[in-house]
Amino acid sequence: MLDLKWIRERPEELDRALDRRGQPARSPEILALDKGRRDLQTRLQELQTERNRLSKEIGAAKGMKSRSGSGSLSQSVSGTQGAARSESGGRDAAELMAKVTGLKDETARLEEQERAKAKELDDLLAMLPNRPDDSVPYGKDEHANVEVRRIGTPKAVPFVAKDHAAIGTGLGLMDFDAAARISGARFVILKGPLARLERALGAFMLDLQTGEYGYSETAVPHMVRDESVFGTGQLPKFKDDLFRTSYYGPEEQRRFTEYLERKMNEGGHPDMRIGLAKPPEDPRLANEQRLQQLVQHELLNGEFAAHRWLIPTAEVPLTNLVREQTVDGAVLPMRMTAQTPCYRSEAGAAGKDTTGMIRQHQFTKVELVSITRPEDSDAEHERMTQCAEEVLKRLDLPYRTMLLCSGDMGFAARKTYDIEVWLPGQGRYREISSCSNCGDFQARRMNARFKRTADAKPEFVHTLNGSGLAVGRTLIAVLENYQNADGSVTVPAPLRPYMGGLETIRRGN
C-alpha cells in the first residue's frame, strides 16, 4: 500500500507512477476522500470538546441545585430565594442535558459517515499498485522489457527437438489424461524417475540456497487467512486468481440459518443482491425460488463459511511471518526459503499454454523471501536474482535475465527481474523465475516494522521475493535441454546424487 502522507504531499508523482503502469490518475479522487474524512474527524473532535464543556456545566448546575436545597433553615437564605435558585439550576441542567443528547446523536451520525468515508478511501488505496522504481524502463507490456544479460548458448541438436510433453509421455512417465479424469484440465501426473526428478530438483535447490547462500529453510502452512493474502497484495484485486476453501461447521450453519430465517420472516426479497427476472405470481413460490438462489449464492461465495486461501506461492506465508511485528534491526536481513505446492486458478490464462506443464493449477516451487532495511533492499534484490540464476548455471541451462518494464511488473513490485530459460522444444525463452523488490509496499499492508535500536522509532521493512526456482518449469527445461535422439533424457550431473546415481531416464527404467 502506498503512503497516504506521500500522496498528499506529492499527488503529481502518484499520477505519474500510475501513468507508467498504464492506469489513470487517481490523486484528485484520493485527496477529495481524504479531505472529506479529515473534515469529519475535525468536526467530531469539535463535538467532543463541546460535549465535555457541557458536561462540566451540567455538573455545576446540579451542584448549584444541591447547594440551594441543602443546609438548616437558620443557615439558608430565605425560602423563596432558595427555591427559585434550585428551580433555575434544575432547569439549566435539564436544558444542558438535552443539548448533550443532541450532540450524541449528531456524533453517531458523523461517526458513521467517517467510517464509510474511511472505508471508501482504504478500498481505493488497496487497489493502487506499487510505484515503479526510477530505474524501471517505461513500457506497456513484455515487448518493452530490457535484456540485462544472457548466460549460456543453446545447444545445437542433430534431430528435431521435442517439447517436454512429448518427451514425458513418450517415456510413459507423464500422464495428462489420467490427471484430467481425476482433477480436470491443467493438472499432470508424474511417475517413476520423472516424479523422482521433480523431487531431486526441489532438494537440489533447497540445499543450494540453504547451504551456500544463507537462506533458512521454513515449512509453512498451505492455507492462509484473508489478512495474509491482503498483506502480500493478492487481495482484493486478484482474488479470482486464487483458490478458496470453505468450511461449514455447526457455528457457520447456525449463523447462515438464522440469517435466512430473519430475511424470510421479513418478507419480500431475502437478499437485495439476488433478484428474480420474472417473479412467479404465487408469493410462496417466489420466496422459495429466492431462498434457493440465496443458498446457491452462499455456496458459491461462502460469505458465512469459515474459509482459507490456498497459497499461490510460499511468498505469502513467508512474508507474513513479519506481519504486525516489530523486529530487531540487528537480525536483518532475514532470508527464508520454502518448497511448497502452489495453487492458481489461472483465471486470465484462457487459451494460453493449454497443453503441457507450463501453466498448471498446481505446481511446486522453491520460494526465496528476504526482509531487509530500506537502504539494503536494492543490493539484496541483485543478490537474490543471482541466487536464483545460480541454479540454472549449475544445471548448465541457457537463460537470460530481463528487467521488466513498468507495464509488465506485478502489482506489489517496484522492480522485477524475470529469469527466462531456453526451451528448445518451443524454440524460445520462457519465464522460470521472477525476483521482485517490493520496497515498503507490502510492509505497509502488513504493518511490518523494525527498530534500528531499542529506543529508535519503528520503520517499515522492505520485502523481496523470488522463485529459486519454479520446480515444474525447471523439470521442463531439463527434459528439453537434455533430451536425446532415442527419446531418453540425460540426468544433469548435479542431480545424480539425488537420483540414486541414475544417469539416463529411459522408457521402462
Protein backbone atom coordinates (compact mmCIF):
# COMPACT_ATOMS: atom_id res chain seq x y z
CA MET A 1 0.00 0.00 0.00
CA LEU A 2 1.21 3.47 -0.81
CA ASP A 3 1.91 6.07 1.85
CA LEU A 4 -1.09 8.42 2.13
CA LYS A 5 1.12 11.18 3.51
CA TRP A 6 3.31 10.92 0.39
CA ILE A 7 0.20 11.12 -1.81
CA ARG A 8 -0.95 14.29 -0.01
CA GLU A 9 2.43 15.93 -0.43
CA ARG A 10 3.18 14.71 -3.99
CA PRO A 11 -0.04 13.87 -5.79
CA GLU A 12 1.51 14.57 -9.17
CA GLU A 13 4.12 11.84 -8.53
CA LEU A 14 1.38 9.35 -7.81
CA ASP A 15 -0.34 10.13 -11.09
CA ARG A 16 2.96 9.85 -12.97
CA ALA A 17 3.59 6.46 -11.36
CA LEU A 18 0.11 5.28 -12.31
CA ASP A 19 0.62 6.54 -15.86
CA ARG A 20 3.78 4.44 -16.09
CA ARG A 21 1.62 1.50 -15.05
CA GLY A 22 -0.90 2.30 -17.77
CA GLN A 23 -3.52 3.46 -15.25
CA PRO A 24 -5.46 6.73 -15.00
CA ALA A 25 -4.72 9.49 -12.48
CA ARG A 26 -6.33 8.93 -9.08
CA SER A 27 -4.92 11.70 -6.90
CA PRO A 28 -7.95 14.06 -7.22
CA GLU A 29 -10.29 11.30 -6.05
CA ILE A 30 -7.98 10.24 -3.22
CA LEU A 31 -7.39 13.78 -1.98
CA ALA A 32 -11.12 14.54 -2.06
CA LEU A 33 -11.90 11.44 0.02
CA ASP A 34 -9.06 12.20 2.39
CA LYS A 35 -10.23 15.79 2.88
CA GLY A 36 -13.80 14.67 3.47
CA ARG A 37 -12.69 12.17 6.09
CA ARG A 38 -10.38 14.65 7.82
CA ASP A 39 -13.12 17.30 7.86
CA LEU A 40 -15.42 14.81 9.55
CA GLN A 41 -12.71 13.94 12.06
CA THR A 42 -12.24 17.64 12.84
CA ARG A 43 -15.97 18.12 13.35
CA LEU A 44 -16.12 15.05 15.61
CA GLN A 45 -13.31 16.48 17.74
CA GLU A 46 -15.22 19.77 18.00
CA LEU A 47 -18.36 17.92 19.07
CA GLN A 48 -16.41 16.01 21.71
CA THR A 49 -14.96 19.26 23.04
CA GLU A 50 -18.44 20.78 23.19
CA ARG A 51 -19.81 17.71 24.99
CA ASN A 52 -17.01 17.91 27.55
CA ARG A 53 -17.77 21.58 28.15
CA LEU A 54 -21.49 20.96 28.56
CA SER A 55 -20.83 18.04 30.90
CA LYS A 56 -18.91 20.37 33.21
CA GLU A 57 -21.74 22.90 33.08
CA ILE A 58 -24.25 20.17 33.91
CA GLY A 59 -22.18 19.22 36.91
CA ALA A 60 -22.03 22.85 38.03
CA ALA A 61 -25.77 23.33 37.53
CA LYS A 62 -26.56 20.21 39.52
CA GLY A 63 -24.16 21.34 42.21
CA MET A 64 -25.92 24.71 42.44
CA LYS A 65 -29.25 22.95 42.81
CA SER A 66 -27.85 20.70 45.51
CA ARG A 67 -26.39 23.61 47.46
CA SER A 68 -29.61 25.60 47.14
CA GLY A 69 -31.69 22.82 48.60
CA SER A 70 -29.37 21.85 51.48
CA GLY A 71 -28.47 23.25 54.89
CA SER A 72 -30.52 24.14 58.00
CA LEU A 73 -33.22 26.76 57.98
CA SER A 74 -31.15 29.15 60.05
CA GLN A 75 -28.14 28.82 57.69
CA SER A 76 -30.01 29.13 54.39
CA VAL A 77 -31.17 32.19 52.57
CA SER A 78 -34.86 32.96 52.60
CA GLY A 79 -37.08 30.09 51.48
CA THR A 80 -38.36 31.94 48.41
CA GLN A 81 -34.86 32.78 47.14
CA GLY A 82 -33.55 29.23 47.70
CA ALA A 83 -36.45 27.63 45.90
CA ALA A 84 -36.06 29.96 42.92
CA ARG A 85 -32.36 29.25 42.67
CA SER A 86 -32.94 25.49 42.96
CA GLU A 87 -35.60 25.55 40.24
CA SER A 88 -33.31 27.58 37.98
CA GLY A 89 -30.42 25.18 38.47
CA GLY A 90 -32.62 22.17 37.70
CA ARG A 91 -33.98 23.81 34.58
CA ASP A 92 -30.46 24.72 33.38
CA ALA A 93 -29.22 21.19 33.94
CA ALA A 94 -32.14 19.72 32.00
CA GLU A 95 -31.55 22.07 29.09
CA LEU A 96 -27.85 21.25 29.03
CA MET A 97 -28.53 17.51 29.14
CA ALA A 98 -30.90 17.89 26.17
CA LYS A 99 -28.11 19.62 24.24
CA VAL A 100 -25.72 16.79 25.09
CA THR A 101 -28.23 14.25 23.81
CA GLY A 102 -28.46 16.17 20.55
CA LEU A 103 -24.67 16.23 20.28
CA LYS A 104 -24.54 12.48 20.88
CA ASP A 105 -26.99 11.88 18.05
CA GLU A 106 -25.00 14.12 15.71
CA THR A 107 -21.78 12.42 16.77
CA ALA A 108 -23.20 8.97 15.99
CA ARG A 109 -24.34 10.14 12.56
CA LEU A 110 -20.98 11.73 11.72
CA GLU A 111 -19.06 8.70 13.03
CA GLU A 112 -20.98 6.52 10.61
CA GLN A 113 -20.16 8.92 7.78
CA GLU A 114 -16.49 8.98 8.80
CA ARG A 115 -16.30 5.17 8.85
CA ALA A 116 -17.90 4.98 5.41
CA LYS A 117 -15.53 7.62 4.04
CA ALA A 118 -12.50 5.88 5.60
CA LYS A 119 -13.53 2.52 4.12
CA GLU A 120 -14.00 4.08 0.68
CA LEU A 121 -10.54 5.63 0.92
CA ASP A 122 -8.92 2.44 2.23
CA ASP A 123 -10.57 0.37 -0.51
CA LEU A 124 -9.24 2.75 -3.15
CA LEU A 125 -5.72 2.75 -1.70
CA ALA A 126 -5.77 -1.06 -1.52
CA MET A 127 -6.27 -1.25 -5.29
CA LEU A 128 -3.35 1.01 -6.19
CA PRO A 129 -0.23 -0.81 -7.44
CA ASN A 130 3.25 -0.11 -6.17
CA ARG A 131 5.06 2.77 -7.87
CA PRO A 132 7.89 1.71 -10.20
CA ASP A 133 11.48 2.41 -9.25
CA ASP A 134 13.20 5.13 -11.27
CA SER A 135 15.44 2.51 -12.89
CA VAL A 136 12.47 0.62 -14.33
CA PRO A 137 12.01 1.22 -18.09
CA TYR A 138 8.71 2.67 -19.26
CA GLY A 139 6.56 0.36 -21.33
CA LYS A 140 3.12 -1.15 -21.74
CA ASP A 141 3.91 -4.86 -21.94
CA GLU A 142 6.61 -7.53 -22.26
CA HIS A 143 7.83 -6.10 -25.55
CA ALA A 144 9.37 -3.18 -23.64
CA ASN A 145 11.34 -5.40 -21.22
CA VAL A 146 15.11 -4.98 -21.32
CA GLU A 147 17.59 -7.85 -21.50
CA VAL A 148 20.22 -7.45 -18.77
CA ARG A 149 22.38 -10.49 -19.50
CA ARG A 150 22.35 -13.79 -21.36
CA ILE A 151 24.19 -16.81 -19.98
CA GLY A 152 24.92 -19.98 -21.91
CA THR A 153 24.37 -20.86 -25.54
CA PRO A 154 21.50 -23.10 -26.67
CA LYS A 155 22.90 -26.44 -27.78
CA ALA A 156 22.53 -27.47 -31.39
CA VAL A 157 20.98 -30.94 -31.66
CA PRO A 158 21.15 -33.18 -34.78
CA PHE A 159 17.44 -34.03 -34.52
CA VAL A 160 14.12 -32.23 -34.22
CA ALA A 161 13.76 -31.22 -30.59
CA LYS A 162 10.56 -32.35 -28.88
CA ASP A 163 8.71 -30.40 -26.23
CA HIS A 164 8.52 -31.69 -22.68
CA ALA A 165 5.01 -33.13 -23.06
CA ALA A 166 6.06 -35.30 -25.99
CA ILE A 167 9.20 -36.40 -24.14
CA GLY A 168 7.40 -37.22 -20.90
CA THR A 169 4.52 -39.09 -22.49
CA GLY A 170 6.96 -40.87 -24.78
CA LEU A 171 8.78 -42.16 -21.71
CA GLY A 172 5.45 -43.28 -20.27
CA LEU A 173 6.13 -41.18 -17.18
CA MET A 174 3.90 -38.12 -17.74
CA ASP A 175 0.12 -38.60 -17.84
CA PHE A 176 -2.19 -35.66 -18.58
CA ASP A 177 -5.22 -37.81 -19.41
CA ALA A 178 -5.30 -39.54 -16.04
CA ALA A 179 -4.86 -36.21 -14.27
CA ALA A 180 -7.77 -34.76 -16.25
CA ARG A 181 -10.02 -37.67 -15.26
CA ILE A 182 -9.16 -37.06 -11.62
CA SER A 183 -8.98 -33.26 -11.41
CA GLY A 184 -9.75 -31.68 -14.79
CA ALA A 185 -7.55 -29.61 -17.07
CA ARG A 186 -4.18 -28.08 -16.12
CA PHE A 187 -3.00 -30.96 -13.93
CA VAL A 188 -0.39 -33.66 -14.54
CA ILE A 189 0.69 -36.96 -13.04
CA LEU A 190 4.42 -37.76 -12.97
CA LYS A 191 5.58 -41.31 -12.47
CA GLY A 192 8.73 -43.21 -11.56
CA PRO A 193 12.00 -41.46 -12.47
CA LEU A 194 10.19 -38.25 -13.53
CA ALA A 195 8.48 -37.97 -10.16
CA ARG A 196 11.86 -38.58 -8.54
CA LEU A 197 13.48 -35.99 -10.84
CA GLU A 198 10.98 -33.36 -9.66
CA ARG A 199 11.77 -34.25 -6.05
CA ALA A 200 15.50 -34.16 -6.82
CA LEU A 201 15.26 -30.70 -8.34
CA GLY A 202 13.49 -29.30 -5.27
CA ALA A 203 16.00 -30.87 -2.90
CA PHE A 204 18.92 -29.61 -5.00
CA MET A 205 17.54 -26.06 -4.97
CA LEU A 206 16.92 -26.09 -1.22
CA ASP A 207 20.38 -27.49 -0.49
CA LEU A 208 21.97 -24.81 -2.67
CA GLN A 209 20.07 -21.89 -1.17
CA THR A 210 20.40 -23.03 2.44
CA GLY A 211 23.90 -24.49 2.27
CA GLU A 212 25.65 -21.81 0.21
CA TYR A 213 23.52 -18.67 0.27
CA GLY A 214 22.27 -18.47 3.83
CA TYR A 215 18.54 -18.92 3.34
CA SER A 216 16.74 -20.57 6.25
CA GLU A 217 14.51 -23.47 5.20
CA THR A 218 10.99 -23.00 6.53
CA ALA A 219 7.94 -25.27 6.49
CA VAL A 220 4.82 -23.15 6.12
CA PRO A 221 1.02 -23.59 6.00
CA HIS A 222 -0.50 -24.06 2.57
CA MET A 223 -3.76 -22.35 3.56
CA VAL A 224 -3.86 -18.76 4.79
CA ARG A 225 -6.32 -16.15 6.04
CA ASP A 226 -7.60 -13.03 4.27
CA GLU A 227 -5.14 -10.79 6.10
CA SER A 228 -2.20 -12.76 4.74
CA VAL A 229 -3.11 -12.56 1.05
CA PHE A 230 -4.07 -8.91 1.53
CA GLY A 231 -0.66 -8.24 3.03
CA THR A 232 1.26 -9.55 0.03
CA GLY A 233 -1.12 -7.90 -2.42
CA GLN A 234 -3.20 -10.73 -3.91
CA LEU A 235 -6.36 -9.42 -2.23
CA PRO A 236 -8.58 -7.73 -3.05
CA LYS A 237 -7.67 -7.12 -6.68
CA PHE A 238 -6.62 -10.63 -7.72
CA LYS A 239 -8.93 -12.88 -5.72
CA ASP A 240 -10.16 -14.53 -8.93
CA ASP A 241 -6.64 -15.89 -9.46
CA LEU A 242 -6.80 -17.77 -6.15
CA PHE A 243 -8.44 -20.95 -4.90
CA ARG A 244 -10.52 -20.61 -1.74
CA THR A 245 -11.65 -23.34 0.63
CA SER A 246 -14.93 -23.11 2.55
CA TYR A 247 -15.96 -24.92 5.70
CA TYR A 248 -19.50 -25.04 7.09
CA GLY A 249 -19.19 -26.15 10.68
CA PRO A 250 -22.04 -26.05 13.21
CA GLU A 251 -21.43 -22.39 14.05
CA GLU A 252 -21.33 -21.31 10.39
CA GLN A 253 -24.51 -23.27 9.62
CA ARG A 254 -26.26 -21.72 12.63
CA ARG A 255 -25.42 -18.16 11.57
CA PHE A 256 -26.48 -18.78 7.99
CA THR A 257 -29.75 -20.42 9.06
CA GLU A 258 -30.56 -17.52 11.38
CA TYR A 259 -29.85 -15.09 8.54
CA LEU A 260 -32.17 -16.97 6.17
CA GLU A 261 -34.96 -17.17 8.74
CA ARG A 262 -34.68 -13.47 9.52
CA LYS A 263 -34.79 -12.49 5.86
CA MET A 264 -37.72 -14.77 5.06
CA ASN A 265 -39.68 -13.61 8.11
CA GLU A 266 -39.19 -10.02 6.99
CA GLY A 267 -40.97 -10.95 3.77
CA GLY A 268 -40.14 -9.94 0.26
CA HIS A 269 -36.64 -10.18 -1.10
CA PRO A 270 -34.30 -12.27 1.11
CA ASP A 271 -31.20 -10.56 -0.25
CA MET A 272 -31.09 -7.42 -2.39
CA ARG A 273 -28.11 -8.72 -4.35
CA ILE A 274 -30.20 -11.53 -5.84
CA GLY A 275 -33.26 -10.79 -7.95
CA LEU A 276 -35.73 -12.77 -9.99
CA ALA A 277 -36.08 -11.83 -13.65
CA LYS A 278 -39.72 -12.95 -13.74
CA PRO A 279 -41.16 -13.44 -10.24
CA PRO A 280 -43.99 -16.01 -10.23
CA GLU A 281 -47.47 -14.91 -9.30
CA ASP A 282 -47.60 -17.12 -6.20
CA PRO A 283 -45.65 -15.23 -3.46
CA ARG A 284 -44.85 -18.50 -1.71
CA LEU A 285 -43.18 -19.83 -4.84
CA ALA A 286 -41.31 -16.57 -5.27
CA ASN A 287 -39.96 -16.83 -1.74
CA GLU A 288 -38.94 -20.44 -2.35
CA GLN A 289 -37.05 -19.50 -5.51
CA ARG A 290 -35.38 -16.58 -3.77
CA LEU A 291 -34.36 -18.88 -0.94
CA GLN A 292 -32.82 -21.36 -3.38
CA GLN A 293 -30.93 -18.57 -5.11
CA LEU A 294 -29.63 -17.23 -1.84
CA VAL A 295 -28.45 -20.68 -0.75
CA GLN A 296 -26.72 -21.14 -4.11
CA HIS A 297 -25.11 -17.70 -3.80
CA GLU A 298 -23.79 -18.60 -0.35
CA LEU A 299 -22.42 -21.94 -1.52
CA LEU A 300 -20.56 -20.21 -4.36
CA ASN A 301 -19.27 -17.25 -2.37
CA GLY A 302 -19.01 -18.70 1.12
CA GLU A 303 -19.69 -15.42 2.89
CA PHE A 304 -20.95 -17.19 6.02
CA ALA A 305 -18.44 -20.03 5.80
CA ALA A 306 -15.12 -20.26 7.53
CA HIS A 307 -12.59 -20.10 4.73
CA ARG A 308 -8.92 -20.12 3.85
CA TRP A 309 -6.99 -19.37 0.66
CA LEU A 310 -4.69 -21.94 -0.94
CA ILE A 311 -1.32 -20.25 -1.32
CA PRO A 312 -0.40 -19.14 -4.88
CA THR A 313 3.24 -19.10 -3.74
CA ALA A 314 5.15 -19.55 -0.49
CA GLU A 315 5.83 -15.81 -0.69
CA VAL A 316 2.51 -15.35 1.13
CA PRO A 317 3.20 -17.28 4.36
CA LEU A 318 6.93 -16.48 4.39
CA THR A 319 6.48 -12.72 4.05
CA ASN A 320 3.62 -12.71 6.56
CA LEU A 321 5.94 -14.06 9.24
CA VAL A 322 6.70 -10.39 9.96
CA ARG A 323 3.11 -9.16 9.69
CA GLU A 324 2.15 -6.98 12.67
CA GLN A 325 5.65 -7.46 14.09
CA THR A 326 8.40 -5.02 15.02
CA VAL A 327 11.65 -6.91 14.50
CA ASP A 328 15.07 -6.11 15.84
CA GLY A 329 17.07 -4.38 13.11
CA ALA A 330 20.10 -6.40 14.15
CA VAL A 331 18.55 -9.60 12.71
CA LEU A 332 18.06 -8.08 9.26
CA PRO A 333 18.33 -9.21 6.57
CA MET A 334 16.09 -12.21 7.19
CA ARG A 335 16.44 -14.75 4.36
CA MET A 336 13.93 -17.59 4.15
CA THR A 337 13.13 -20.33 1.66
CA ALA A 338 10.38 -22.92 1.36
CA GLN A 339 9.34 -25.57 -1.13
CA THR A 340 5.57 -25.83 -1.43
CA PRO A 341 2.84 -26.69 -3.86
CA CYS A 342 1.36 -23.52 -5.38
CA TYR A 343 -2.28 -23.21 -6.41
CA ARG A 344 -3.54 -20.79 -9.05
CA SER A 345 -6.84 -20.62 -10.88
CA GLU A 346 -5.20 -19.10 -13.98
CA ALA A 347 -8.38 -17.05 -14.43
CA GLY A 348 -6.78 -14.80 -17.03
CA ALA A 349 -5.00 -17.57 -18.93
CA ALA A 350 -7.80 -18.84 -21.12
CA GLY A 351 -6.29 -20.18 -24.33
CA LYS A 352 -2.70 -19.82 -23.09
CA ASP A 353 -0.43 -22.87 -22.75
CA THR A 354 -3.39 -25.24 -22.72
CA THR A 355 -1.18 -28.32 -23.13
CA GLY A 356 1.84 -29.44 -21.15
CA MET A 357 3.11 -28.32 -17.76
CA ILE A 358 3.89 -24.65 -18.44
CA ARG A 359 0.70 -23.32 -16.84
CA GLN A 360 -0.84 -25.56 -14.18
CA HIS A 361 -3.39 -25.12 -11.41
CA GLN A 362 -0.96 -26.89 -9.04
CA PHE A 363 2.81 -26.81 -9.27
CA THR A 364 5.84 -26.97 -7.00
CA LYS A 365 8.13 -24.04 -6.39
CA VAL A 366 11.08 -23.15 -4.17
CA GLU A 367 10.49 -19.61 -2.95
CA LEU A 368 13.06 -17.10 -1.71
CA VAL A 369 11.99 -14.25 0.61
CA SER A 370 14.13 -11.53 2.16
CA ILE A 371 13.20 -8.93 4.80
CA THR A 372 15.66 -6.02 4.86
CA ARG A 373 16.31 -2.48 5.97
CA PRO A 374 15.22 0.10 3.37
CA GLU A 375 18.77 1.07 2.41
CA ASP A 376 19.73 -2.58 1.78
CA SER A 377 16.89 -3.78 -0.43
CA ASP A 378 18.38 -2.82 -3.80
CA ALA A 379 21.58 -4.78 -3.14
CA GLU A 380 19.53 -7.66 -1.73
CA HIS A 381 17.47 -7.70 -4.93
CA GLU A 382 20.59 -8.16 -7.04
CA ARG A 383 21.83 -10.86 -4.69
CA MET A 384 18.52 -12.75 -4.73
CA THR A 385 18.45 -12.71 -8.52
CA GLN A 386 21.99 -14.12 -8.63
CA CYS A 387 20.96 -16.87 -6.17
CA ALA A 388 18.12 -17.90 -8.46
CA GLU A 389 20.35 -17.74 -11.55
CA GLU A 390 22.91 -19.99 -9.88
CA VAL A 391 20.52 -22.95 -10.07
CA LEU A 392 20.47 -22.66 -13.86
CA LYS A 393 24.24 -22.21 -14.01
CA ARG A 394 24.81 -25.39 -12.00
CA LEU A 395 22.40 -27.30 -14.25
CA ASP A 396 24.03 -25.81 -17.37
CA LEU A 397 20.72 -24.48 -18.68
CA PRO A 398 20.93 -21.44 -21.02
CA TYR A 399 18.99 -18.44 -19.75
CA ARG A 400 18.60 -14.71 -19.94
CA THR A 401 17.66 -12.15 -17.29
CA MET A 402 15.15 -9.45 -18.17
CA LEU A 403 14.39 -6.17 -16.40
CA LEU A 404 10.62 -5.80 -16.60
CA CYS A 405 9.12 -2.57 -17.83
CA SER A 406 6.62 -0.58 -15.77
CA GLY A 407 3.59 -2.06 -17.52
CA ASP A 408 4.67 -5.70 -17.13
CA MET A 409 5.54 -5.75 -13.43
CA GLY A 410 3.42 -7.40 -10.78
CA PHE A 411 1.04 -5.39 -8.61
CA ALA A 412 3.24 -5.29 -5.48
CA ALA A 413 6.63 -4.92 -7.16
CA ARG A 414 8.62 -1.74 -7.57
CA LYS A 415 11.30 -3.51 -9.62
CA THR A 416 11.40 -7.01 -11.09
CA TYR A 417 13.88 -9.24 -12.86
CA ASP A 418 12.47 -12.19 -14.80
CA ILE A 419 14.79 -15.10 -15.49
CA GLU A 420 13.87 -16.93 -18.69
CA VAL A 421 15.23 -20.37 -19.54
CA TRP A 422 15.80 -21.65 -23.07
CA LEU A 423 13.34 -24.35 -24.15
CA PRO A 424 14.46 -26.00 -27.43
CA GLY A 425 11.12 -27.76 -27.83
CA GLN A 426 9.45 -24.36 -28.09
CA GLY A 427 12.42 -22.60 -29.65
CA ARG A 428 12.24 -19.67 -27.23
CA TYR A 429 12.97 -18.46 -23.73
CA ARG A 430 10.24 -18.89 -21.07
CA GLU A 431 9.98 -17.44 -17.57
CA ILE A 432 11.28 -19.70 -14.83
CA SER A 433 11.77 -17.18 -12.02
CA SER A 434 10.59 -13.71 -11.11
CA CYS A 435 12.55 -11.78 -8.46
CA SER A 436 10.95 -8.61 -7.11
CA ASN A 437 11.81 -5.82 -4.72
CA CYS A 438 8.54 -4.61 -3.19
CA GLY A 439 10.08 -1.83 -1.08
CA ASP A 440 7.77 -0.95 1.82
CA PHE A 441 4.59 -1.63 -0.19
CA GLN A 442 3.79 -4.99 1.42
CA ALA A 443 5.14 -3.87 4.79
CA ARG A 444 2.56 -1.08 4.95
CA ARG A 445 -0.23 -3.54 4.17
CA MET A 446 1.08 -5.91 6.86
CA ASN A 447 2.24 -3.27 9.37
CA ALA A 448 5.67 -4.93 9.41
CA ARG A 449 8.33 -2.76 11.04
CA PHE A 450 11.80 -2.85 12.58
CA LYS A 451 13.81 -0.83 15.07
CA ARG A 452 17.42 0.16 14.47
CA THR A 453 17.97 0.40 18.23
CA ALA A 454 15.80 -0.32 21.25
CA ASP A 455 14.88 3.36 21.59
CA ALA A 456 14.53 4.12 17.88
CA LYS A 457 11.28 4.92 16.12
CA PRO A 458 9.84 1.90 14.24
CA GLU A 459 10.28 1.95 10.46
CA PHE A 460 8.73 -0.16 7.74
CA VAL A 461 10.87 -3.05 6.50
CA HIS A 462 11.42 -3.76 2.82
CA THR A 463 10.30 -7.11 1.44
CA LEU A 464 11.63 -9.08 -1.52
CA ASN A 465 10.57 -12.36 -3.09
CA GLY A 466 11.70 -14.59 -5.91
CA SER A 467 11.47 -18.11 -7.30
CA GLY A 468 14.54 -20.15 -6.71
CA LEU A 469 13.16 -21.81 -8.93
CA ALA A 470 9.79 -22.99 -10.20
CA VAL A 471 10.42 -26.73 -9.93
CA GLY A 472 7.97 -27.81 -12.61
CA ARG A 473 9.38 -25.41 -15.20
CA THR A 474 12.92 -26.46 -14.29
CA LEU A 475 11.84 -30.06 -14.92
CA ILE A 476 10.55 -28.93 -18.31
CA ALA A 477 13.88 -27.23 -19.06
CA VAL A 478 15.88 -30.33 -18.09
CA LEU A 479 13.74 -32.62 -20.25
CA GLU A 480 14.00 -30.38 -23.30
CA ASN A 481 17.68 -29.42 -22.97
CA TYR A 482 18.93 -32.88 -22.01
CA GLN A 483 16.80 -34.94 -24.43
CA ASN A 484 18.47 -37.48 -26.67
CA ALA A 485 17.61 -38.65 -30.18
CA ASP A 486 16.27 -42.01 -28.90
CA GLY A 487 13.76 -40.27 -26.59
CA SER A 488 15.78 -40.76 -23.43
CA VAL A 489 16.87 -37.91 -21.14
CA THR A 490 20.32 -37.50 -19.62
CA VAL A 491 20.23 -36.61 -15.93
CA PRO A 492 22.35 -33.49 -15.23
CA ALA A 493 25.40 -34.36 -13.13
CA PRO A 494 24.42 -32.23 -10.07
CA LEU A 495 21.13 -34.14 -9.79
CA ARG A 496 22.53 -37.68 -9.99
CA PRO A 497 23.25 -37.98 -6.26
CA TYR A 498 19.57 -37.20 -5.66
CA MET A 499 18.56 -39.81 -8.27
CA GLY A 500 20.41 -42.73 -6.75
CA GLY A 501 23.16 -42.39 -9.33
CA LEU A 502 20.81 -42.70 -12.30
CA GLU A 503 22.43 -41.13 -15.37
CA THR A 504 19.76 -41.59 -18.04
CA ILE A 505 15.97 -41.77 -17.88
CA ARG A 506 14.64 -44.27 -20.41
CA ARG A 507 11.28 -45.77 -21.08
CA GLY A 508 10.91 -48.72 -18.77
CA ASN A 509 13.53 -47.76 -16.16
